[in-house]
Amino acid sequence: EFHNDKTINGKYRTNIITSRKKLKVKRANARQWIRKHMHDPL
């Protein structure tokens, strides 16, 4: 995700972060993987 943002000095910069949609997908995938492998040796 590209956002308009400012530095601590008040200058313009782009803020580029993980897309909210993608982060949600990555979390879901991680949860499913952990659930599937929860009985594996730690």
PDB file of all heavy atoms in Angstrom:
ATOM      1  N   GLU A   1       0.833  -1.190   0.000  1.00  0.00           N
ATOM      2  CA  GLU A   1       0.000   0.000   0.000  1.00  0.00           C
ATOM      3  C   GLU A   1       0.871   1.242   0.000  1.00  0.00           C
ATOM      4  O   GLU A   1       1.783   1.365   0.820  1.00  0.00           O
ATOM      5  CB  GLU A   1      -0.908   0.037   1.233  1.00  0.00           C
ATOM      6  CG  GLU A   1      -2.191  -0.703   1.120  1.00  0.00           C
ATOM      7  CD  GLU A   1      -3.048  -0.591   2.355  1.00  0.00           C
ATOM      8  OE1 GLU A   1      -2.682   0.162   3.294  1.00  0.00           O
ATOM      9  OE2 GLU A   1      -4.072  -1.283   2.399  1.00  0.00           O
ATOM     10  N   PHE A   2       0.601   2.163  -0.901  1.00  0.00           N
ATOM     11  CA  PHE A   2       1.306   3.440  -0.967  1.00  0.00           C
ATOM     12  C   PHE A   2       0.456   4.521  -0.308  1.00  0.00           C
ATOM     13  O   PHE A   2      -0.690   4.748  -0.706  1.00  0.00           O
ATOM     14  CB  PHE A   2       1.596   3.827  -2.419  1.00  0.00           C
ATOM     15  CG  PHE A   2       2.705   3.036  -3.064  1.00  0.00           C
ATOM     16  CD1 PHE A   2       2.518   1.706  -3.406  1.00  0.00           C
ATOM     17  CD2 PHE A   2       3.934   3.621  -3.330  1.00  0.00           C
ATOM     18  CE1 PHE A   2       3.531   0.977  -4.009  1.00  0.00           C
ATOM     19  CE2 PHE A   2       4.956   2.902  -3.926  1.00  0.00           C
ATOM     20  CZ  PHE A   2       4.752   1.573  -4.264  1.00  0.00           C
ATOM     21  N   HIS A   3       1.025   5.209   0.697  1.00  0.00           N
ATOM     22  CA  HIS A   3       0.348   6.285   1.401  1.00  0.00           C
ATOM     23  C   HIS A   3       1.167   7.565   1.315  1.00  0.00           C
ATOM     24  O   HIS A   3       2.400   7.521   1.238  1.00  0.00           O
ATOM     25  CB  HIS A   3       0.159   5.946   2.890  1.00  0.00           C
ATOM     26  CG  HIS A   3      -0.715   4.760   3.139  1.00  0.00           C
ATOM     27  ND1 HIS A   3      -2.025   4.882   3.569  1.00  0.00           N
ATOM     28  CD2 HIS A   3      -0.472   3.427   3.042  1.00  0.00           C
ATOM     29  CE1 HIS A   3      -2.532   3.662   3.720  1.00  0.00           C
ATOM     30  NE2 HIS A   3      -1.615   2.770   3.409  1.00  0.00           N
ATOM     31  N   ASN A   4       0.486   8.698   1.343  1.00  0.00           N
ATOM     32  CA  ASN A   4       1.165   9.972   1.536  1.00  0.00           C
ATOM     33  C   ASN A   4       1.500  10.137   3.016  1.00  0.00           C
ATOM     34  O   ASN A   4       0.659   9.893   3.878  1.00  0.00           O
ATOM     35  CB  ASN A   4       0.278  11.138   1.077  1.00  0.00           C
ATOM     36  CG  ASN A   4       0.024  11.114  -0.421  1.00  0.00           C
ATOM     37  OD1 ASN A   4       0.931  11.307  -1.228  1.00  0.00           O
ATOM     38  ND2 ASN A   4      -1.229  10.859  -0.801  1.00  0.00           N
ATOM     39  N   ASP A   5       2.724  10.564   3.305  1.00  0.00           N
ATOM     40  CA  ASP A   5       3.149  10.648   4.692  1.00  0.00           C
ATOM     41  C   ASP A   5       4.190  11.761   4.834  1.00  0.00           C
ATOM     42  O   ASP A   5       4.579  12.408   3.854  1.00  0.00           O
ATOM     43  CB  ASP A   5       3.734   9.307   5.139  1.00  0.00           C
ATOM     44  CG  ASP A   5       3.736   9.129   6.653  1.00  0.00           C
ATOM     45  OD1 ASP A   5       3.242  10.025   7.362  1.00  0.00           O
ATOM     46  OD2 ASP A   5       4.249   8.093   7.121  1.00  0.00           O
ATOM     47  N   LYS A   6       4.655  11.982   6.065  1.00  0.00           N
ATOM     48  CA  LYS A   6       5.690  12.970   6.361  1.00  0.00           C
ATOM     49  C   LYS A   6       6.751  12.360   7.261  1.00  0.00           C
ATOM     50  O   LYS A   6       6.473  11.456   8.044  1.00  0.00           O
ATOM     51  CB  LYS A   6       5.088  14.214   7.026  1.00  0.00           C
ATOM     52  CG  LYS A   6       4.211  15.049   6.110  1.00  0.00           C
ATOM     53  CD  LYS A   6       3.702  16.283   6.829  1.00  0.00           C
ATOM     54  CE  LYS A   6       2.841  17.127   5.894  1.00  0.00           C
ATOM     55  NZ  LYS A   6       2.339  18.360   6.573  1.00  0.00           N
ATOM     56  N   THR A   7       7.973  12.857   7.134  1.00  0.00           N
ATOM     57  CA  THR A   7       9.046  12.440   8.019  1.00  0.00           C
ATOM     58  C   THR A   7       8.897  13.145   9.366  1.00  0.00           C
ATOM     59  O   THR A   7       8.043  14.025   9.545  1.00  0.00           O
ATOM     60  CB  THR A   7      10.414  12.784   7.411  1.00  0.00           C
ATOM     61  OG1 THR A   7      10.579  14.221   7.397  1.00  0.00           O
ATOM     62  CG2 THR A   7      10.535  12.240   5.996  1.00  0.00           C
ATOM     63  N   ILE A   8       9.747  12.782  10.313  1.00  0.00           N
ATOM     64  CA  ILE A   8       9.708  13.444  11.628  1.00  0.00           C
ATOM     65  C   ILE A   8      10.074  14.910  11.511  1.00  0.00           C
ATOM     66  O   ILE A   8       9.788  15.709  12.413  1.00  0.00           O
ATOM     67  CB  ILE A   8      10.648  12.735  12.616  1.00  0.00           C
ATOM     68  CG1 ILE A   8      12.084  12.693  12.085  1.00  0.00           C
ATOM     69  CG2 ILE A   8      10.147  11.331  12.924  1.00  0.00           C
ATOM     70  CD1 ILE A   8      13.084  12.123  13.083  1.00  0.00           C
ATOM     71  N   ASN A   9      10.711  15.295  10.403  1.00  0.00           N
ATOM     72  CA  ASN A   9      11.076  16.690  10.162  1.00  0.00           C
ATOM     73  C   ASN A   9      10.005  17.453   9.400  1.00  0.00           C
ATOM     74  O   ASN A   9      10.198  18.617   9.058  1.00  0.00           O
ATOM     75  CB  ASN A   9      12.402  16.771   9.397  1.00  0.00           C
ATOM     76  CG  ASN A   9      13.559  16.198  10.184  1.00  0.00           C
ATOM     77  OD1 ASN A   9      13.615  16.324  11.402  1.00  0.00           O
ATOM     78  ND2 ASN A   9      14.499  15.561   9.502  1.00  0.00           N
ATOM     79  N   GLY A  10       8.881  16.794   9.120  1.00  0.00           N
ATOM     80  CA  GLY A  10       7.789  17.467   8.435  1.00  0.00           C
ATOM     81  C   GLY A  10       7.887  17.462   6.919  1.00  0.00           C
ATOM     82  O   GLY A  10       7.073  18.095   6.245  1.00  0.00           O
ATOM     83  N   LYS A  11       8.873  16.745   6.355  1.00  0.00           N
ATOM     84  CA  LYS A  11       9.026  16.677   4.905  1.00  0.00           C
ATOM     85  C   LYS A  11       8.176  15.548   4.343  1.00  0.00           C
ATOM     86  O   LYS A  11       7.960  14.530   4.986  1.00  0.00           O
ATOM     87  CB  LYS A  11      10.493  16.477   4.532  1.00  0.00           C
ATOM     88  CG  LYS A  11      11.389  17.645   4.907  1.00  0.00           C
ATOM     89  CD  LYS A  11      12.826  17.390   4.459  1.00  0.00           C
ATOM     90  CE  LYS A  11      13.727  18.559   4.793  1.00  0.00           C
ATOM     91  NZ  LYS A  11      15.135  18.321   4.356  1.00  0.00           N
ATOM     92  N   TYR A  12       7.730  15.736   3.092  1.00  0.00           N
ATOM     93  CA  TYR A  12       6.898  14.721   2.450  1.00  0.00           C
ATOM     94  C   TYR A  12       7.694  13.450   2.170  1.00  0.00           C
ATOM     95  O   TYR A  12       8.887  13.499   1.832  1.00  0.00           O
ATOM     96  CB  TYR A  12       6.322  15.251   1.125  1.00  0.00           C
ATOM     97  CG  TYR A  12       5.541  14.189   0.372  1.00  0.00           C
ATOM     98  CD1 TYR A  12       4.208  13.961   0.643  1.00  0.00           C
ATOM     99  CD2 TYR A  12       6.159  13.383  -0.587  1.00  0.00           C
ATOM    100  CE1 TYR A  12       3.493  12.977  -0.027  1.00  0.00           C
ATOM    101  CE2 TYR A  12       5.460  12.394  -1.254  1.00  0.00           C
ATOM    102  CZ  TYR A  12       4.116  12.194  -0.970  1.00  0.00           C
ATOM    103  OH  TYR A  12       3.417  11.200  -1.616  1.00  0.00           O
ATOM    104  N   ARG A  13       7.025  12.321   2.295  1.00  0.00           N
ATOM    105  CA  ARG A  13       7.568  11.044   1.864  1.00  0.00           C
ATOM    106  C   ARG A  13       6.421  10.091   1.591  1.00  0.00           C
ATOM    107  O   ARG A  13       5.315  10.260   2.108  1.00  0.00           O
ATOM    108  CB  ARG A  13       8.502  10.447   2.903  1.00  0.00           C
ATOM    109  CG  ARG A  13       7.810   9.871   4.113  1.00  0.00           C
ATOM    110  CD  ARG A  13       8.623   8.806   4.792  1.00  0.00           C
ATOM    111  NE  ARG A  13       7.817   8.013   5.680  1.00  0.00           N
ATOM    112  CZ  ARG A  13       8.221   6.936   6.326  1.00  0.00           C
ATOM    113  NH1 ARG A  13       9.422   6.542   6.194  1.00  0.00           N
ATOM    114  NH2 ARG A  13       7.435   6.247   7.095  1.00  0.00           N
ATOM    115  N   THR A  14       6.656   9.086   0.787  1.00  0.00           N
ATOM    116  CA  THR A  14       5.689   8.013   0.606  1.00  0.00           C
ATOM    117  C   THR A  14       5.895   6.982   1.712  1.00  0.00           C
ATOM    118  O   THR A  14       7.027   6.658   2.060  1.00  0.00           O
ATOM    119  CB  THR A  14       5.864   7.336  -0.758  1.00  0.00           C
ATOM    120  OG1 THR A  14       7.237   6.980  -0.951  1.00  0.00           O
ATOM    121  CG2 THR A  14       5.418   8.252  -1.885  1.00  0.00           C
ATOM    122  N   ASN A  15       4.807   6.502   2.229  1.00  0.00           N
ATOM    123  CA  ASN A  15       4.846   5.430   3.225  1.00  0.00           C
ATOM    124  C   ASN A  15       4.338   4.158   2.546  1.00  0.00           C
ATOM    125  O   ASN A  15       3.185   4.086   2.134  1.00  0.00           O
ATOM    126  CB  ASN A  15       3.980   5.784   4.427  1.00  0.00           C
ATOM    127  CG  ASN A  15       4.119   4.761   5.546  1.00  0.00           C
ATOM    128  OD1 ASN A  15       5.132   4.081   5.657  1.00  0.00           O
ATOM    129  ND2 ASN A  15       3.103   4.650   6.385  1.00  0.00           N
ATOM    130  N   ILE A  16       5.206   3.181   2.413  1.00  0.00           N
ATOM    131  CA  ILE A  16       4.878   1.957   1.696  1.00  0.00           C
ATOM    132  C   ILE A  16       4.833   0.807   2.694  1.00  0.00           C
ATOM    133  O   ILE A  16       5.849   0.432   3.266  1.00  0.00           O
ATOM    134  CB  ILE A  16       5.913   1.674   0.584  1.00  0.00           C
ATOM    135  CG1 ILE A  16       6.097   2.910  -0.299  1.00  0.00           C
ATOM    136  CG2 ILE A  16       5.477   0.472  -0.254  1.00  0.00           C
ATOM    137  CD1 ILE A  16       7.253   2.798  -1.274  1.00  0.00           C
ATOM    138  N   ILE A  17       3.641   0.250   2.889  1.00  0.00           N
ATOM    139  CA  ILE A  17       3.458  -0.790   3.889  1.00  0.00           C
ATOM    140  C   ILE A  17       2.781  -2.010   3.263  1.00  0.00           C
ATOM    141  O   ILE A  17       2.289  -1.947   2.129  1.00  0.00           O
ATOM    142  CB  ILE A  17       2.612  -0.275   5.077  1.00  0.00           C
ATOM    143  CG1 ILE A  17       1.204   0.103   4.604  1.00  0.00           C
ATOM    144  CG2 ILE A  17       3.294   0.899   5.749  1.00  0.00           C
ATOM    145  CD1 ILE A  17       0.260   0.493   5.734  1.00  0.00           C
ATOM    146  N   THR A  18       2.759  -3.094   3.990  1.00  0.00           N
ATOM    147  CA  THR A  18       2.058  -4.284   3.529  1.00  0.00           C
ATOM    148  C   THR A  18       0.586  -3.971   3.332  1.00  0.00           C
ATOM    149  O   THR A  18      -0.055  -3.376   4.197  1.00  0.00           O
ATOM    150  CB  THR A  18       2.198  -5.442   4.537  1.00  0.00           C
ATOM    151  OG1 THR A  18       3.563  -5.644   4.853  1.00  0.00           O
ATOM    152  CG2 THR A  18       1.611  -6.728   3.969  1.00  0.00           C
ATOM    153  N   SER A  19       0.051  -4.355   2.187  1.00  0.00           N
ATOM    154  CA  SER A  19      -1.362  -4.160   1.916  1.00  0.00           C
ATOM    155  C   SER A  19      -2.216  -4.834   2.998  1.00  0.00           C
ATOM    156  O   SER A  19      -1.930  -5.967   3.405  1.00  0.00           O
ATOM    157  CB  SER A  19      -1.708  -4.736   0.546  1.00  0.00           C
ATOM    158  OG  SER A  19      -3.069  -4.989   0.409  1.00  0.00           O
ATOM    159  N   ARG A  20      -3.225  -4.145   3.468  1.00  0.00           N
ATOM    160  CA  ARG A  20      -4.110  -4.702   4.496  1.00  0.00           C
ATOM    161  C   ARG A  20      -4.733  -6.015   4.025  1.00  0.00           C
ATOM    162  O   ARG A  20      -4.876  -6.969   4.794  1.00  0.00           O
ATOM    163  CB  ARG A  20      -5.203  -3.698   4.863  1.00  0.00           C
ATOM    164  CG  ARG A  20      -4.683  -2.494   5.640  1.00  0.00           C
ATOM    165  CD  ARG A  20      -5.836  -1.594   6.053  1.00  0.00           C
ATOM    166  NE  ARG A  20      -5.397  -0.464   6.868  1.00  0.00           N
ATOM    167  CZ  ARG A  20      -4.995   0.664   6.427  1.00  0.00           C
ATOM    168  NH1 ARG A  20      -4.998   0.834   5.154  1.00  0.00           N
ATOM    169  NH2 ARG A  20      -4.586   1.650   7.207  1.00  0.00           N
ATOM    170  N   LYS A  21      -5.115  -6.034   2.756  1.00  0.00           N
ATOM    171  CA  LYS A  21      -5.707  -7.235   2.177  1.00  0.00           C
ATOM    172  C   LYS A  21      -4.714  -8.397   2.194  1.00  0.00           C
ATOM    173  O   LYS A  21      -5.052  -9.520   2.576  1.00  0.00           O
ATOM    174  CB  LYS A  21      -6.162  -6.936   0.741  1.00  0.00           C
ATOM    175  CG  LYS A  21      -6.804  -8.116   0.041  1.00  0.00           C
ATOM    176  CD  LYS A  21      -7.214  -7.731  -1.372  1.00  0.00           C
ATOM    177  CE  LYS A  21      -7.788  -8.921  -2.123  1.00  0.00           C
ATOM    178  NZ  LYS A  21      -8.168  -8.546  -3.522  1.00  0.00           N
ATOM    179  N   LYS A  22      -3.471  -8.118   1.789  1.00  0.00           N
ATOM    180  CA  LYS A  22      -2.446  -9.160   1.766  1.00  0.00           C
ATOM    181  C   LYS A  22      -2.071  -9.618   3.166  1.00  0.00           C
ATOM    182  O   LYS A  22      -1.815 -10.803   3.400  1.00  0.00           O
ATOM    183  CB  LYS A  22      -1.204  -8.662   1.033  1.00  0.00           C
ATOM    184  CG  LYS A  22      -1.365  -8.568  -0.474  1.00  0.00           C
ATOM    185  CD  LYS A  22      -1.552  -9.942  -1.090  1.00  0.00           C
ATOM    186  CE  LYS A  22      -1.682  -9.861  -2.603  1.00  0.00           C
ATOM    187  NZ  LYS A  22      -1.875 -11.199  -3.205  1.00  0.00           N
ATOM    188  N   LEU A  23      -2.004  -8.662   4.097  1.00  0.00           N
ATOM    189  CA  LEU A  23      -1.672  -9.011   5.476  1.00  0.00           C
ATOM    190  C   LEU A  23      -2.729  -9.939   6.061  1.00  0.00           C
ATOM    191  O   LEU A  23      -2.409 -10.901   6.777  1.00  0.00           O
ATOM    192  CB  LEU A  23      -1.543  -7.750   6.331  1.00  0.00           C
ATOM    193  CG  LEU A  23      -1.048  -7.940   7.766  1.00  0.00           C
ATOM    194  CD1 LEU A  23       0.315  -8.633   7.791  1.00  0.00           C
ATOM    195  CD2 LEU A  23      -0.973  -6.599   8.497  1.00  0.00           C
ATOM    196  N   LYS A  24      -3.977  -9.680   5.748  1.00  0.00           N
ATOM    197  CA  LYS A  24      -5.070 -10.543   6.204  1.00  0.00           C
ATOM    198  C   LYS A  24      -4.923 -11.954   5.641  1.00  0.00           C
ATOM    199  O   LYS A  24      -5.103 -12.949   6.358  1.00  0.00           O
ATOM    200  CB  LYS A  24      -6.408  -9.941   5.781  1.00  0.00           C
ATOM    201  CG  LYS A  24      -7.617 -10.701   6.291  1.00  0.00           C
ATOM    202  CD  LYS A  24      -8.910 -10.022   5.858  1.00  0.00           C
ATOM    203  CE  LYS A  24     -10.131 -10.803   6.357  1.00  0.00           C
ATOM    204  NZ  LYS A  24     -11.396 -10.137   5.913  1.00  0.00           N
ATOM    205  N   VAL A  25      -4.561 -12.039   4.356  1.00  0.00           N
ATOM    206  CA  VAL A  25      -4.351 -13.337   3.707  1.00  0.00           C
ATOM    207  C   VAL A  25      -3.172 -14.076   4.331  1.00  0.00           C
ATOM    208  O   VAL A  25      -3.245 -15.274   4.615  1.00  0.00           O
ATOM    209  CB  VAL A  25      -4.117 -13.159   2.191  1.00  0.00           C
ATOM    210  CG1 VAL A  25      -3.674 -14.476   1.555  1.00  0.00           C
ATOM    211  CG2 VAL A  25      -5.369 -12.637   1.513  1.00  0.00           C
ATOM    212  N   LYS A  26      -2.076 -13.356   4.561  1.00  0.00           N
ATOM    213  CA  LYS A  26      -0.882 -13.969   5.149  1.00  0.00           C
ATOM    214  C   LYS A  26      -1.159 -14.487   6.559  1.00  0.00           C
ATOM    215  O   LYS A  26      -0.675 -15.551   6.951  1.00  0.00           O
ATOM    216  CB  LYS A  26       0.265 -12.953   5.176  1.00  0.00           C
ATOM    217  CG  LYS A  26       0.813 -12.576   3.796  1.00  0.00           C
ATOM    218  CD  LYS A  26       1.485 -13.756   3.148  1.00  0.00           C
ATOM    219  CE  LYS A  26       2.075 -13.380   1.796  1.00  0.00           C
ATOM    220  NZ  LYS A  26       2.771 -14.543   1.169  1.00  0.00           N
ATOM    221  N   ARG A  27      -1.920 -13.739   7.323  1.00  0.00           N
ATOM    222  CA  ARG A  27      -2.301 -14.187   8.666  1.00  0.00           C
ATOM    223  C   ARG A  27      -3.149 -15.455   8.599  1.00  0.00           C
ATOM    224  O   ARG A  27      -2.918 -16.406   9.359  1.00  0.00           O
ATOM    225  CB  ARG A  27      -3.069 -13.083   9.392  1.00  0.00           C
ATOM    226  CG  ARG A  27      -2.196 -11.937   9.901  1.00  0.00           C
ATOM    227  CD  ARG A  27      -3.055 -10.911  10.587  1.00  0.00           C
ATOM    228  NE  ARG A  27      -2.272  -9.911  11.287  1.00  0.00           N
ATOM    229  CZ  ARG A  27      -2.783  -8.924  12.013  1.00  0.00           C
ATOM    230  NH1 ARG A  27      -4.091  -8.828  12.147  1.00  0.00           N
ATOM    231  NH2 ARG A  27      -1.985  -8.056  12.621  1.00  0.00           N
ATOM    232  N   ALA A  28      -4.106 -15.476   7.688  1.00  0.00           N
ATOM    233  CA  ALA A  28      -4.976 -16.642   7.536  1.00  0.00           C
ATOM    234  C   ALA A  28      -4.170 -17.870   7.122  1.00  0.00           C
ATOM    235  O   ALA A  28      -4.391 -18.973   7.637  1.00  0.00           O
ATOM    236  CB  ALA A  28      -6.070 -16.350   6.513  1.00  0.00           C
ATOM    237  N   ASN A  29      -3.247 -17.678   6.194  1.00  0.00           N
ATOM    238  CA  ASN A  29      -2.395 -18.784   5.749  1.00  0.00           C
ATOM    239  C   ASN A  29      -1.526 -19.319   6.881  1.00  0.00           C
ATOM    240  O   ASN A  29      -1.348 -20.539   7.024  1.00  0.00           O
ATOM    241  CB  ASN A  29      -1.513 -18.342   4.585  1.00  0.00           C
ATOM    242  CG  ASN A  29      -2.296 -18.087   3.318  1.00  0.00           C
ATOM    243  OD1 ASN A  29      -3.426 -18.555   3.170  1.00  0.00           O
ATOM    244  ND2 ASN A  29      -1.711 -17.350   2.385  1.00  0.00           N
ATOM    245  N   ALA A  30      -0.970 -18.402   7.688  1.00  0.00           N
ATOM    246  CA  ALA A  30      -0.138 -18.804   8.825  1.00  0.00           C
ATOM    247  C   ALA A  30      -0.960 -19.586   9.843  1.00  0.00           C
ATOM    248  O   ALA A  30      -0.510 -20.607  10.375  1.00  0.00           O
ATOM    249  CB  ALA A  30       0.494 -17.574   9.479  1.00  0.00           C
ATOM    250  N   ARG A  31      -2.164 -19.109  10.107  1.00  0.00           N
ATOM    251  CA  ARG A  31      -3.044 -19.783  11.067  1.00  0.00           C
ATOM    252  C   ARG A  31      -3.388 -21.198  10.593  1.00  0.00           C
ATOM    253  O   ARG A  31      -3.357 -22.152  11.368  1.00  0.00           O
ATOM    254  CB  ARG A  31      -4.323 -18.961  11.258  1.00  0.00           C
ATOM    255  CG  ARG A  31      -5.268 -19.546  12.317  1.00  0.00           C
ATOM    256  CD  ARG A  31      -6.445 -18.626  12.571  1.00  0.00           C
ATOM    257  NE  ARG A  31      -7.295 -18.463  11.393  1.00  0.00           N
ATOM    258  CZ  ARG A  31      -7.380 -17.360  10.671  1.00  0.00           C
ATOM    259  NH1 ARG A  31      -6.666 -16.282  10.991  1.00  0.00           N
ATOM    260  NH2 ARG A  31      -8.173 -17.285   9.618  1.00  0.00           N
ATOM    261  N   GLN A  32      -3.717 -21.333   9.316  1.00  0.00           N
ATOM    262  CA  GLN A  32      -4.055 -22.641   8.757  1.00  0.00           C
ATOM    263  C   GLN A  32      -2.867 -23.593   8.802  1.00  0.00           C
ATOM    264  O   GLN A  32      -3.007 -24.774   9.101  1.00  0.00           O
ATOM    265  CB  GLN A  32      -4.558 -22.478   7.325  1.00  0.00           C
ATOM    266  CG  GLN A  32      -5.910 -21.796   7.206  1.00  0.00           C
ATOM    267  CD  GLN A  32      -6.281 -21.451   5.781  1.00  0.00           C
ATOM    268  OE1 GLN A  32      -5.608 -21.858   4.840  1.00  0.00           O
ATOM    269  NE2 GLN A  32      -7.349 -20.692   5.606  1.00  0.00           N
ATOM    270  N   TRP A  33      -1.672 -23.050   8.506  1.00  0.00           N
ATOM    271  CA  TRP A  33      -0.475 -23.881   8.518  1.00  0.00           C
ATOM    272  C   TRP A  33      -0.172 -24.375   9.939  1.00  0.00           C
ATOM    273  O   TRP A  33       0.140 -25.549  10.132  1.00  0.00           O
ATOM    274  CB  TRP A  33       0.713 -23.093   7.971  1.00  0.00           C
ATOM    275  CG  TRP A  33       1.944 -23.946   7.792  1.00  0.00           C
ATOM    276  CD1 TRP A  33       2.319 -24.636   6.678  1.00  0.00           C
ATOM    277  CD2 TRP A  33       2.948 -24.211   8.778  1.00  0.00           C
ATOM    278  NE1 TRP A  33       3.494 -25.314   6.899  1.00  0.00           N
ATOM    279  CE2 TRP A  33       3.908 -25.077   8.191  1.00  0.00           C
ATOM    280  CE3 TRP A  33       3.156 -23.810  10.099  1.00  0.00           C
ATOM    281  CZ2 TRP A  33       5.040 -25.530   8.870  1.00  0.00           C
ATOM    282  CZ3 TRP A  33       4.273 -24.273  10.786  1.00  0.00           C
ATOM    283  CH2 TRP A  33       5.195 -25.116  10.170  1.00  0.00           C
ATOM    284  N   ILE A  34      -0.248 -23.489  10.909  1.00  0.00           N
ATOM    285  CA  ILE A  34       0.013 -23.856  12.307  1.00  0.00           C
ATOM    286  C   ILE A  34      -0.981 -24.915  12.770  1.00  0.00           C
ATOM    287  O   ILE A  34      -0.611 -25.893  13.425  1.00  0.00           O
ATOM    288  CB  ILE A  34      -0.032 -22.616  13.213  1.00  0.00           C
ATOM    289  CG1 ILE A  34       1.177 -21.713  12.926  1.00  0.00           C
ATOM    290  CG2 ILE A  34      -0.054 -23.021  14.690  1.00  0.00           C
ATOM    291  CD1 ILE A  34       1.107 -20.364  13.619  1.00  0.00           C
ATOM    292  N   ARG A  35      -2.234 -24.712  12.434  1.00  0.00           N
ATOM    293  CA  ARG A  35      -3.266 -25.676  12.818  1.00  0.00           C
ATOM    294  C   ARG A  35      -2.983 -27.054  12.230  1.00  0.00           C
ATOM    295  O   ARG A  35      -3.154 -28.079  12.889  1.00  0.00           O
ATOM    296  CB  ARG A  35      -4.634 -25.179  12.372  1.00  0.00           C
ATOM    297  CG  ARG A  35      -5.793 -26.057  12.835  1.00  0.00           C
ATOM    298  CD  ARG A  35      -7.117 -25.444  12.422  1.00  0.00           C
ATOM    299  NE  ARG A  35      -8.227 -26.277  12.858  1.00  0.00           N
ATOM    300  CZ  ARG A  35      -9.504 -25.983  12.629  1.00  0.00           C
ATOM    301  NH1 ARG A  35      -9.823 -24.855  11.988  1.00  0.00           N
ATOM    302  NH2 ARG A  35     -10.459 -26.799  13.072  1.00  0.00           N
ATOM    303  N   LYS A  36      -2.535 -27.087  10.977  1.00  0.00           N
ATOM    304  CA  LYS A  36      -2.249 -28.338  10.291  1.00  0.00           C
ATOM    305  C   LYS A  36      -1.049 -29.055  10.890  1.00  0.00           C
ATOM    306  O   LYS A  36      -1.007 -30.289  10.949  1.00  0.00           O
ATOM    307  CB  LYS A  36      -2.015 -28.067   8.798  1.00  0.00           C
ATOM    308  CG  LYS A  36      -1.762 -29.310   7.971  1.00  0.00           C
ATOM    309  CD  LYS A  36      -1.548 -28.943   6.507  1.00  0.00           C
ATOM    310  CE  LYS A  36      -1.243 -30.176   5.667  1.00  0.00           C
ATOM    311  NZ  LYS A  36      -1.013 -29.812   4.241  1.00  0.00           N
ATOM    312  N   HIS A  37      -0.052 -28.271  11.368  1.00  0.00           N
ATOM    313  CA  HIS A  37       1.202 -28.865  11.842  1.00  0.00           C
ATOM    314  C   HIS A  37       1.356 -28.809  13.362  1.00  0.00           C
ATOM    315  O   HIS A  37       2.444 -29.031  13.876  1.00  0.00           O
ATOM    316  CB  HIS A  37       2.385 -28.148  11.185  1.00  0.00           C
ATOM    317  CG  HIS A  37       2.464 -28.354   9.706  1.00  0.00           C
ATOM    318  ND1 HIS A  37       3.113 -29.425   9.126  1.00  0.00           N
ATOM    319  CD2 HIS A  37       1.948 -27.637   8.676  1.00  0.00           C
ATOM    320  CE1 HIS A  37       3.018 -29.341   7.799  1.00  0.00           C
ATOM    321  NE2 HIS A  37       2.314 -28.271   7.500  1.00  0.00           N
ATOM    322  N   MET A  38       0.280 -28.529  14.070  1.00  0.00           N
ATOM    323  CA  MET A  38       0.378 -28.323  15.516  1.00  0.00           C
ATOM    324  C   MET A  38       0.864 -29.557  16.285  1.00  0.00           C
ATOM    325  O   MET A  38       1.364 -29.428  17.405  1.00  0.00           O
ATOM    326  CB  MET A  38      -0.987 -27.882  16.061  1.00  0.00           C
ATOM    327  CG  MET A  38      -2.097 -28.883  15.866  1.00  0.00           C
ATOM    328  SD  MET A  38      -3.701 -28.330  16.472  1.00  0.00           S
ATOM    329  CE  MET A  38      -3.510 -28.499  18.216  1.00  0.00           C
ATOM    330  N   HIS A  39       0.720 -30.742  15.705  1.00  0.00           N
ATOM    331  CA  HIS A  39       1.145 -31.958  16.380  1.00  0.00           C
ATOM    332  C   HIS A  39       2.558 -32.408  15.994  1.00  0.00           C
ATOM    333  O   HIS A  39       3.036 -33.433  16.487  1.00  0.00           O
ATOM    334  CB  HIS A  39       0.151 -33.082  16.113  1.00  0.00           C
ATOM    335  CG  HIS A  39      -1.214 -32.824  16.687  1.00  0.00           C
ATOM    336  ND1 HIS A  39      -1.470 -32.811  18.041  1.00  0.00           N
ATOM    337  CD2 HIS A  39      -2.391 -32.535  16.072  1.00  0.00           C
ATOM    338  CE1 HIS A  39      -2.750 -32.533  18.252  1.00  0.00           C
ATOM    339  NE2 HIS A  39      -3.331 -32.366  17.070  1.00  0.00           N
ATOM    340  N   ASP A  40       3.223 -31.627  15.136  1.00  0.00           N
ATOM    341  CA  ASP A  40       4.617 -31.922  14.800  1.00  0.00           C
ATOM    342  C   ASP A  40       5.503 -31.675  16.021  1.00  0.00           C
ATOM    343  O   ASP A  40       5.145 -30.877  16.906  1.00  0.00           O
ATOM    344  CB  ASP A  40       5.099 -31.042  13.648  1.00  0.00           C
ATOM    345  CG  ASP A  40       4.393 -31.338  12.330  1.00  0.00           C
ATOM    346  OD1 ASP A  40       3.604 -32.305  12.295  1.00  0.00           O
ATOM    347  OD2 ASP A  40       4.606 -30.600  11.355  1.00  0.00           O
ATOM    348  N   PRO A  41       6.657 -32.354  16.101  1.00  0.00           N
ATOM    349  CA  PRO A  41       7.608 -32.038  17.188  1.00  0.00           C
ATOM    350  C   PRO A  41       7.919 -30.544  17.197  1.00  0.00           C
ATOM    351  O   PRO A  41       8.098 -29.934  16.138  1.00  0.00           O
ATOM    352  CB  PRO A  41       8.842 -32.866  16.819  1.00  0.00           C
ATOM    353  CG  PRO A  41       8.307 -33.998  16.006  1.00  0.00           C
ATOM    354  CD  PRO A  41       7.142 -33.442  15.243  1.00  0.00           C
ATOM    355  N   LEU A  42       8.000 -29.968  18.395  1.00  0.00           N
ATOM    356  CA  LEU A  42       8.084 -28.522  18.536  1.00  0.00           C
ATOM    357  C   LEU A  42       9.271 -27.917  17.782  1.00  0.00           C
ATOM    358  O   LEU A  42       9.126 -26.900  17.095  1.00  0.00           O
ATOM    359  CB  LEU A  42       8.152 -28.145  20.018  1.00  0.00           C
ATOM    360  CG  LEU A  42       8.114 -26.640  20.331  1.00  0.00           C
ATOM    361  CD1 LEU A  42       6.870 -25.998  19.724  1.00  0.00           C
ATOM    362  CD2 LEU A  42       8.147 -26.423  21.847  1.00  0.00           C
TER     363      LEU A  42
END
